[in-house]
Amino acid sequence: MQRLLFVTGFVGLALTIASAQGDPAARARNLHKQVPLIDGHNDYPWALLGLDPGRDFAKADIAGSVKQLHTDIPRLRQGGVGGQFWSVYVPSTMQGKEAVRATMEQIDIVHRMTQRWPAVFGAARTAADVERVFKNGRIASMIGMEGGHSIDSSLATLRMMHALGAGYMTLTHSLNVPWADAATDKPILGGLSGFGEEVVHEMNWLGMLVDLSHVSPDTMEDAIRISAAPIIFSHSSAKALCNVPRNVPDHILQMLPKNGGVVMITFVPGFISQAVADYGTKSAEAQQSFRAQFPNNDAYVGTATERWRADNPEPRATLSQVADHIDHVRKLAGIDHIGLGGDFDGITSLVEGLEDVSKYPDLTAELLRRGYTDQDIKKILGQNILRVMRGAEQVSAALRKKRGPSTATIAQLDNAR
């Protein structure tokens, strides 16, 4: 009898191992248990504000299913998420003190979230923090600022945002800031100004990751050239596959091996599929045409635009196309320079097969089917961004031995008022 139990147990174990080795879905789930999947960008804090102006978690309790969102705790667990940079986005139309205040209110959401669900989330500032929190079975929670407008051209404000937990800052959002050009605005500076360069230097000193999603190619080049630490793109994809301003050109991808940075591939359909991007352009043109015909009739413009969209259904981006972007970055930059940045709860349309945070293992399985090794997958899931974080920490430690915080102002460096 004991022998029979032994044989039965051995066969069961063998079948489990074989399944994990052969079935991409089983292998994917296993890999998500071994290393933290660290996503570079999730807009849950802004989505919460949309559900409740008072930012009351009870109005959108993510401990259970929240159908209005792409993110809740059960789906984070199902998706094998081990670390998350929570975006503390505020619109780039906000300026000055208003943007600073709004950003601090967004940061407060992340702090309160980790305090409300301490068994699920653990605050993390360093790569070691992430690994410790993940080892304890929790989700490492980090903060990413989305746009330099949030510091109101003040290095002191930048330092205080970092003190509150901001681990990266995207240099711009959709509009230029006084010291850096954005990808989706008319270029003014041709990249970074003198003060913009000082912002990058101060972020290096702080150990804060320099995020180049949303910035112009000239700003990308300037930042990569002067940054002493590896940079990131927290939520961008490959411009060669989807020609939109928000994606990363090939010549920038080829600069990453020397810098050590990482492109965290995003799941925004209009940045993944050229057909979806082109549809967005045509839809906007149709709306503009209706508005030109009836400039004082918003109701008609809205109805006509909806009718146009009903007659011209939007195409869908697919999980396979997301994997194509990963393939492209691997080809040009290498496996060490890829991560994931879904932009969940910051997008209105979704990639087919990647509809919420529970779906990451499906992308992992697709990469395994394409021949990516377990070690390749581990790098993409989290090891690459952890290496970048360690690199920034090491640069910061070295710089802090050489100098203190910068007292430079935009008025001094750019002759700005």
Protein backbone atom coordinates (compact mmCIF):
# COMPACT_ATOMS: atom_id res chain seq x y z
CA MET A 1 0.00 0.00 0.00
CA GLN A 2 2.79 2.40 0.92
CA ARG A 3 4.53 1.56 -2.34
CA LEU A 4 1.32 2.26 -4.25
CA LEU A 5 0.95 5.64 -2.56
CA PHE A 6 4.59 6.43 -3.33
CA VAL A 7 4.19 5.52 -7.00
CA THR A 8 0.93 7.48 -7.27
CA GLY A 9 2.52 10.52 -5.66
CA PHE A 10 5.58 10.25 -7.87
CA VAL A 11 3.45 10.05 -11.01
CA GLY A 12 1.40 13.05 -9.89
CA LEU A 13 4.55 15.06 -9.24
CA ALA A 14 5.98 14.04 -12.60
CA LEU A 15 2.79 15.10 -14.37
CA THR A 16 2.84 18.44 -12.56
CA ILE A 17 6.45 19.05 -13.59
CA ALA A 18 5.75 17.99 -17.16
CA SER A 19 2.77 20.31 -17.30
CA ALA A 20 4.82 23.22 -15.99
CA GLN A 21 7.55 22.49 -18.51
CA GLY A 22 5.30 21.95 -21.52
CA ASP A 23 2.14 24.00 -21.04
CA PRO A 24 2.85 27.73 -21.62
CA ALA A 25 -0.01 28.79 -19.34
CA ALA A 26 1.27 26.64 -16.46
CA ARG A 27 4.84 27.79 -17.05
CA ALA A 28 3.68 31.40 -17.06
CA ARG A 29 1.89 31.07 -13.72
CA ASN A 30 4.96 29.43 -12.24
CA LEU A 31 7.27 32.21 -13.46
CA HIS A 32 5.01 34.87 -11.94
CA LYS A 33 5.52 33.15 -8.59
CA GLN A 34 9.31 33.21 -8.92
CA VAL A 35 9.91 36.88 -9.71
CA PRO A 36 7.79 39.97 -9.15
CA LEU A 37 5.96 41.22 -12.20
CA ILE A 38 6.57 44.95 -11.88
CA ASP A 39 4.27 47.12 -13.98
CA GLY A 40 5.50 50.61 -14.76
CA HIS A 41 2.24 52.52 -14.91
CA ASN A 42 -1.26 52.14 -13.47
CA ASP A 43 -3.70 55.06 -13.18
CA TYR A 44 -5.87 53.64 -10.39
CA PRO A 45 -5.44 56.78 -8.20
CA TRP A 46 -6.90 58.99 -10.95
CA ALA A 47 -9.64 56.45 -11.70
CA LEU A 48 -10.61 56.46 -8.01
CA LEU A 49 -10.95 60.24 -8.16
CA GLY A 50 -13.29 59.78 -11.11
CA LEU A 51 -15.48 57.41 -9.09
CA ASP A 52 -15.51 59.54 -5.95
CA PRO A 53 -14.32 63.17 -5.67
CA GLY A 54 -13.57 62.55 -2.00
CA ARG A 55 -11.25 59.67 -2.89
CA ASP A 56 -13.08 57.37 -0.49
CA PHE A 57 -11.95 53.77 -0.90
CA ALA A 58 -15.30 52.61 0.47
CA LYS A 59 -16.96 53.99 -2.67
CA ALA A 60 -14.79 51.71 -4.82
CA ASP A 61 -13.60 48.92 -2.55
CA ILE A 62 -10.91 47.14 -4.54
CA ALA A 63 -10.81 44.32 -1.97
CA GLY A 64 -13.61 42.91 -4.11
CA SER A 65 -14.49 43.17 -7.78
CA VAL A 66 -14.91 46.73 -9.10
CA LYS A 67 -16.34 46.39 -12.59
CA GLN A 68 -15.81 50.07 -13.46
CA LEU A 69 -12.05 49.60 -13.08
CA HIS A 70 -9.35 47.51 -14.71
CA THR A 71 -7.72 47.06 -11.30
CA ASP A 72 -8.78 45.46 -8.04
CA ILE A 73 -7.07 43.18 -5.54
CA PRO A 74 -8.53 39.86 -6.75
CA ARG A 75 -7.45 40.60 -10.32
CA LEU A 76 -4.02 41.83 -9.25
CA ARG A 77 -3.56 38.48 -7.49
CA GLN A 78 -4.89 36.56 -10.48
CA GLY A 79 -2.52 38.45 -12.76
CA GLY A 80 0.50 37.62 -10.63
CA VAL A 81 1.39 41.28 -10.10
CA GLY A 82 4.27 41.57 -7.65
CA GLY A 83 5.06 45.27 -7.92
CA GLN A 84 3.23 48.32 -9.23
CA PHE A 85 4.25 51.88 -9.97
CA TRP A 86 1.04 53.77 -9.22
CA SER A 87 0.81 56.88 -11.36
CA VAL A 88 -0.02 60.08 -9.48
CA TYR A 89 -1.11 61.75 -12.71
CA VAL A 90 -2.68 65.18 -12.84
CA PRO A 91 -3.60 66.86 -16.16
CA SER A 92 -0.88 68.91 -17.81
CA THR A 93 -3.41 71.72 -18.18
CA MET A 94 -2.93 72.19 -14.43
CA GLN A 95 -0.06 74.54 -13.75
CA GLY A 96 1.83 76.05 -10.84
CA LYS A 97 0.65 75.52 -7.29
CA GLU A 98 -2.56 73.83 -8.48
CA ALA A 99 -0.56 71.02 -10.10
CA VAL A 100 1.66 70.64 -7.03
CA ARG A 101 -1.33 70.39 -4.68
CA ALA A 102 -3.19 67.95 -6.93
CA THR A 103 -0.11 65.73 -7.21
CA MET A 104 0.27 65.60 -3.44
CA GLU A 105 -3.39 64.58 -3.15
CA GLN A 106 -2.72 61.77 -5.61
CA ILE A 107 0.32 60.64 -3.61
CA ASP A 108 -1.90 60.59 -0.53
CA ILE A 109 -4.15 58.03 -2.25
CA VAL A 110 -1.24 55.62 -2.68
CA HIS A 111 -0.16 56.05 0.94
CA ARG A 112 -3.69 55.47 2.20
CA MET A 113 -4.12 52.45 -0.06
CA THR A 114 -1.09 50.68 1.42
CA GLN A 115 -2.30 51.57 4.92
CA ARG A 116 -5.84 50.32 4.27
CA TRP A 117 -4.74 46.93 2.89
CA PRO A 118 -1.40 46.20 4.64
CA ALA A 119 -1.72 42.46 4.06
CA VAL A 120 -1.87 43.09 0.30
CA PHE A 121 0.34 46.11 -0.39
CA GLY A 122 3.74 47.09 0.96
CA ALA A 123 5.38 50.45 0.34
CA ALA A 124 8.66 50.12 -1.57
CA ARG A 125 11.34 52.70 -2.30
CA THR A 126 14.27 50.51 -3.37
CA ALA A 127 14.89 47.33 -5.33
CA ALA A 128 15.57 45.54 -2.05
CA ASP A 129 12.22 46.78 -0.71
CA VAL A 130 10.44 45.32 -3.75
CA GLU A 131 12.09 41.94 -3.29
CA ARG A 132 11.33 41.91 0.44
CA VAL A 133 7.66 42.80 -0.04
CA PHE A 134 7.27 40.24 -2.82
CA LYS A 135 8.95 37.53 -0.72
CA ASN A 136 6.37 38.23 1.99
CA GLY A 137 3.53 37.60 -0.45
CA ARG A 138 2.49 41.22 -0.91
CA ILE A 139 2.45 43.65 -3.84
CA ALA A 140 5.24 46.23 -3.75
CA SER A 141 3.67 49.67 -4.17
CA MET A 142 5.70 52.47 -5.71
CA ILE A 143 4.85 55.95 -6.95
CA GLY A 144 5.43 57.48 -10.38
CA MET A 145 4.84 61.17 -11.14
CA GLU A 146 3.48 61.75 -14.63
CA GLY A 147 4.75 65.10 -15.85
CA GLY A 148 7.22 67.77 -14.82
CA HIS A 149 4.39 70.28 -14.44
CA SER A 150 3.90 68.65 -11.03
CA ILE A 151 7.04 70.33 -9.64
CA ASP A 152 6.31 73.87 -10.90
CA SER A 153 9.91 74.28 -12.14
CA SER A 154 11.28 73.87 -8.60
CA LEU A 155 14.06 71.49 -7.60
CA ALA A 156 13.02 71.83 -3.96
CA THR A 157 9.53 70.63 -4.88
CA LEU A 158 11.08 67.75 -6.82
CA ARG A 159 13.03 66.73 -3.72
CA MET A 160 9.94 66.90 -1.52
CA MET A 161 7.95 64.78 -3.97
CA HIS A 162 10.74 62.21 -3.78
CA ALA A 163 10.66 62.41 0.01
CA LEU A 164 6.94 61.59 -0.16
CA GLY A 165 7.75 58.45 -2.10
CA ALA A 166 7.89 59.37 -5.79
CA GLY A 167 10.24 56.86 -7.42
CA TYR A 168 10.16 58.26 -10.92
CA MET A 169 9.04 61.37 -12.76
CA THR A 170 7.96 61.51 -16.39
CA LEU A 171 9.63 64.70 -17.59
CA THR A 172 6.54 65.91 -19.44
CA HIS A 173 2.99 64.82 -20.04
CA SER A 174 1.08 65.80 -23.19
CA LEU A 175 2.14 69.46 -23.08
CA ASN A 176 5.58 71.04 -22.95
CA VAL A 177 6.92 72.23 -19.63
CA PRO A 178 9.11 75.35 -19.50
CA TRP A 179 12.24 73.20 -19.50
CA ALA A 180 11.40 70.18 -21.72
CA ASP A 181 9.54 69.43 -24.95
CA ALA A 182 6.72 66.89 -25.03
CA ALA A 183 6.02 64.41 -27.83
CA THR A 184 2.51 65.72 -28.47
CA ASP A 185 3.11 69.47 -28.35
CA LYS A 186 4.85 71.89 -30.72
CA PRO A 187 8.58 71.75 -29.92
CA ILE A 188 9.98 74.96 -28.49
CA LEU A 189 13.31 74.10 -26.90
CA GLY A 190 14.58 71.31 -29.13
CA GLY A 191 14.84 68.98 -26.12
CA LEU A 192 15.92 70.00 -22.63
CA SER A 193 16.78 73.51 -21.51
CA GLY A 194 19.64 74.20 -19.12
CA PHE A 195 17.24 73.89 -16.21
CA GLY A 196 15.83 70.71 -17.73
CA GLU A 197 19.30 69.21 -17.65
CA GLU A 198 19.61 70.25 -14.02
CA VAL A 199 16.32 68.45 -13.28
CA VAL A 200 17.81 65.24 -14.71
CA HIS A 201 21.02 65.73 -12.70
CA GLU A 202 19.00 66.26 -9.52
CA MET A 203 16.92 63.17 -10.18
CA ASN A 204 20.17 61.22 -10.55
CA TRP A 205 21.33 62.69 -7.23
CA LEU A 206 18.07 61.67 -5.57
CA GLY A 207 18.05 58.17 -7.04
CA MET A 208 14.80 58.99 -8.82
CA LEU A 209 14.20 57.27 -12.17
CA VAL A 210 14.07 59.55 -15.21
CA ASP A 211 10.98 58.56 -17.22
CA LEU A 212 10.95 59.46 -20.92
CA SER A 213 7.46 58.34 -21.90
CA HIS A 214 5.52 61.33 -23.30
CA VAL A 215 8.63 63.35 -24.19
CA SER A 216 9.85 64.39 -27.65
CA PRO A 217 12.67 62.47 -29.39
CA ASP A 218 15.01 65.43 -28.81
CA THR A 219 14.21 65.35 -25.10
CA MET A 220 14.79 61.60 -25.10
CA GLU A 221 18.22 62.05 -26.66
CA ASP A 222 19.23 64.87 -24.32
CA ALA A 223 18.16 62.97 -21.21
CA ILE A 224 19.88 59.74 -22.23
CA ARG A 225 23.03 61.67 -23.09
CA ILE A 226 23.31 63.44 -19.74
CA SER A 227 21.78 60.96 -17.29
CA ALA A 228 24.34 59.20 -15.13
CA ALA A 229 21.77 56.50 -14.33
CA PRO A 230 19.67 54.20 -16.54
CA ILE A 231 16.43 55.80 -17.76
CA ILE A 232 13.01 54.25 -18.23
CA PHE A 233 10.03 54.57 -20.52
CA SER A 234 7.27 53.70 -18.04
CA HIS A 235 4.56 53.09 -20.66
CA SER A 236 5.60 53.29 -24.32
CA SER A 237 5.95 50.96 -27.29
CA ALA A 238 7.86 50.78 -30.58
CA LYS A 239 7.31 53.57 -33.11
CA ALA A 240 8.43 51.35 -36.00
CA LEU A 241 5.35 49.17 -35.44
CA CYS A 242 2.88 51.94 -34.59
CA ASN A 243 3.88 55.36 -35.86
CA VAL A 244 2.54 57.69 -33.20
CA PRO A 245 4.46 60.41 -31.30
CA ARG A 246 4.16 58.60 -27.97
CA ASN A 247 6.20 55.61 -29.07
CA VAL A 248 9.97 55.16 -29.07
CA PRO A 249 11.91 55.57 -32.34
CA ASP A 250 14.40 52.91 -33.38
CA HIS A 251 17.43 55.17 -32.97
CA ILE A 252 16.45 55.75 -29.33
CA LEU A 253 15.99 52.01 -28.75
CA GLN A 254 19.53 51.51 -30.05
CA MET A 255 20.83 53.94 -27.40
CA LEU A 256 19.50 51.85 -24.51
CA PRO A 257 22.25 49.22 -24.22
CA LYS A 258 24.85 51.90 -23.47
CA ASN A 259 22.60 53.70 -20.99
CA GLY A 260 21.15 50.53 -19.46
CA GLY A 261 17.56 51.74 -19.59
CA VAL A 262 14.28 49.88 -20.06
CA VAL A 263 11.22 50.36 -22.29
CA MET A 264 8.15 49.17 -20.41
CA ILE A 265 5.81 48.13 -23.22
CA THR A 266 2.37 49.65 -22.89
CA PHE A 267 -1.02 48.16 -23.72
CA VAL A 268 -2.65 51.33 -25.08
CA PRO A 269 -4.40 50.10 -28.26
CA GLY A 270 -3.59 53.24 -30.23
CA PHE A 271 0.11 52.78 -29.42
CA ILE A 272 0.08 49.08 -30.35
CA SER A 273 -1.95 48.87 -33.56
CA GLN A 274 -1.46 51.21 -36.51
CA ALA A 275 -5.03 50.45 -37.58
CA VAL A 276 -6.34 51.63 -34.21
CA ALA A 277 -4.15 54.75 -34.33
CA ASP A 278 -5.35 55.57 -37.85
CA TYR A 279 -8.95 55.03 -36.79
CA GLY A 280 -8.49 57.55 -33.98
CA THR A 281 -7.21 60.12 -36.48
CA LYS A 282 -10.13 59.53 -38.84
CA SER A 283 -12.64 59.71 -35.98
CA ALA A 284 -11.21 63.04 -34.84
CA GLU A 285 -11.31 64.36 -38.41
CA ALA A 286 -14.96 63.35 -38.74
CA GLN A 287 -15.81 65.12 -35.50
CA GLN A 288 -13.99 68.26 -36.66
CA SER A 289 -15.91 68.16 -39.93
CA PHE A 290 -19.25 67.99 -38.11
CA ARG A 291 -18.21 70.83 -35.82
CA ALA A 292 -17.21 72.98 -38.80
CA GLN A 293 -20.66 72.44 -40.30
CA PHE A 294 -22.51 73.12 -37.05
CA PRO A 295 -20.16 75.14 -34.80
CA ASN A 296 -22.88 76.08 -32.30
CA ASN A 297 -24.64 72.74 -32.01
CA ASP A 298 -22.74 70.43 -29.66
CA ALA A 299 -25.65 68.01 -29.45
CA TYR A 300 -25.67 67.48 -33.21
CA VAL A 301 -21.88 67.10 -33.33
CA GLY A 302 -22.03 64.45 -30.61
CA THR A 303 -24.84 62.53 -32.27
CA ALA A 304 -23.22 62.70 -35.71
CA THR A 305 -19.89 61.54 -34.33
CA GLU A 306 -21.49 58.58 -32.57
CA ARG A 307 -23.32 57.68 -35.77
CA TRP A 308 -20.04 57.82 -37.70
CA ARG A 309 -18.40 55.53 -35.16
CA ALA A 310 -21.32 53.11 -35.32
CA ASP A 311 -20.99 52.98 -39.10
CA ASN A 312 -17.20 52.64 -38.83
CA PRO A 313 -16.43 50.23 -35.96
CA GLU A 314 -13.08 50.66 -34.23
CA PRO A 315 -10.56 47.86 -34.93
CA ARG A 316 -9.06 45.99 -31.99
CA ALA A 317 -5.44 45.75 -30.98
CA THR A 318 -4.43 42.24 -29.92
CA LEU A 319 -2.24 40.56 -27.35
CA SER A 320 -0.18 39.14 -30.22
CA GLN A 321 0.58 42.67 -31.41
CA VAL A 322 1.81 43.61 -27.93
CA ALA A 323 4.18 40.64 -28.16
CA ASP A 324 5.31 41.95 -31.56
CA HIS A 325 6.43 45.19 -29.89
CA ILE A 326 8.38 43.17 -27.33
CA ASP A 327 9.99 41.24 -30.18
CA HIS A 328 10.99 44.50 -31.87
CA VAL A 329 12.56 46.02 -28.77
CA ARG A 330 14.41 42.77 -28.16
CA LYS A 331 15.79 42.87 -31.70
CA LEU A 332 17.04 46.46 -31.48
CA ALA A 333 17.92 46.93 -27.81
CA GLY A 334 18.17 43.43 -26.38
CA ILE A 335 16.35 41.34 -23.80
CA ASP A 336 17.86 43.35 -20.92
CA HIS A 337 15.94 46.48 -21.92
CA ILE A 338 12.29 45.36 -21.88
CA GLY A 339 9.60 45.69 -19.21
CA LEU A 340 5.83 46.09 -19.01
CA GLY A 341 3.76 49.23 -18.38
CA GLY A 342 0.10 48.47 -19.03
CA ASP A 343 -1.46 51.92 -18.36
CA PHE A 344 -4.53 50.19 -16.93
CA ASP A 345 -7.24 52.52 -15.66
CA GLY A 346 -5.70 55.28 -17.76
CA ILE A 347 -7.20 54.05 -21.02
CA THR A 348 -10.75 53.78 -22.34
CA SER A 349 -10.26 51.07 -24.97
CA LEU A 350 -8.43 47.83 -24.31
CA VAL A 351 -6.25 45.31 -26.10
CA GLU A 352 -8.08 42.11 -26.96
CA GLY A 353 -6.68 39.53 -24.54
CA LEU A 354 -5.32 42.14 -22.10
CA GLU A 355 -8.53 43.60 -20.74
CA ASP A 356 -7.43 44.07 -17.13
CA VAL A 357 -4.63 43.37 -14.66
CA SER A 358 -5.54 39.69 -14.42
CA LYS A 359 -4.32 39.02 -17.96
CA TYR A 360 -0.54 39.40 -17.62
CA PRO A 361 0.09 35.62 -17.52
CA ASP A 362 -1.58 35.31 -20.93
CA LEU A 363 1.05 37.64 -22.39
CA THR A 364 3.77 35.68 -20.62
CA ALA A 365 2.40 32.46 -22.14
CA GLU A 366 2.44 34.04 -25.61
CA LEU A 367 6.10 34.98 -25.20
CA LEU A 368 6.90 31.42 -24.11
CA ARG A 369 5.17 30.12 -27.23
CA ARG A 370 7.41 32.43 -29.25
CA GLY A 371 10.51 30.82 -27.81
CA TYR A 372 11.42 33.18 -24.99
CA THR A 373 13.27 31.31 -22.26
CA ASP A 374 12.35 31.31 -18.59
CA GLN A 375 15.29 33.63 -17.92
CA ASP A 376 14.13 35.98 -20.69
CA ILE A 377 10.69 36.13 -19.11
CA LYS A 378 12.07 36.80 -15.65
CA LYS A 379 13.98 39.77 -17.01
CA ILE A 380 10.90 41.20 -18.73
CA LEU A 381 8.64 40.66 -15.72
CA GLY A 382 10.81 42.39 -13.19
CA GLN A 383 14.53 41.71 -13.17
CA ASN A 384 15.30 44.40 -15.75
CA ILE A 385 13.52 47.20 -13.91
CA LEU A 386 15.01 46.03 -10.61
CA ARG A 387 18.46 46.31 -12.20
CA VAL A 388 17.62 49.85 -13.32
CA MET A 389 16.45 50.74 -9.82
CA ARG A 390 19.68 49.40 -8.32
CA GLY A 391 21.66 51.36 -10.88
CA ALA A 392 19.89 54.58 -9.92
CA GLU A 393 20.50 53.84 -6.24
CA GLN A 394 24.21 53.30 -6.85
CA VAL A 395 24.53 56.51 -8.88
CA SER A 396 22.72 58.42 -6.14
CA ALA A 397 25.02 57.09 -3.43
CA ALA A 398 28.08 58.13 -5.43
CA LEU A 399 26.75 61.60 -6.25
CA ARG A 400 25.71 62.31 -2.67
CA LYS A 401 29.33 61.79 -1.62
CA LYS A 402 30.37 64.53 -4.06
CA ARG A 403 27.74 67.23 -3.55
CA GLY A 404 24.59 68.29 -1.77
CA PRO A 405 21.23 69.20 -3.27
CA SER A 406 21.17 71.71 -6.10
CA THR A 407 19.97 75.23 -5.35
CA ALA A 408 19.77 76.22 -9.03
CA THR A 409 16.62 77.93 -10.28
CA ILE A 410 15.03 78.17 -13.69
CA ALA A 411 15.58 81.92 -13.56
CA GLN A 412 19.31 81.41 -13.16
CA LEU A 413 19.75 78.72 -15.81
CA ASP A 414 17.15 79.69 -18.42
CA ASN A 415 16.73 83.40 -17.73
CA ALA A 416 13.08 82.63 -17.03
CA ARG A 417 10.83 84.71 -14.82
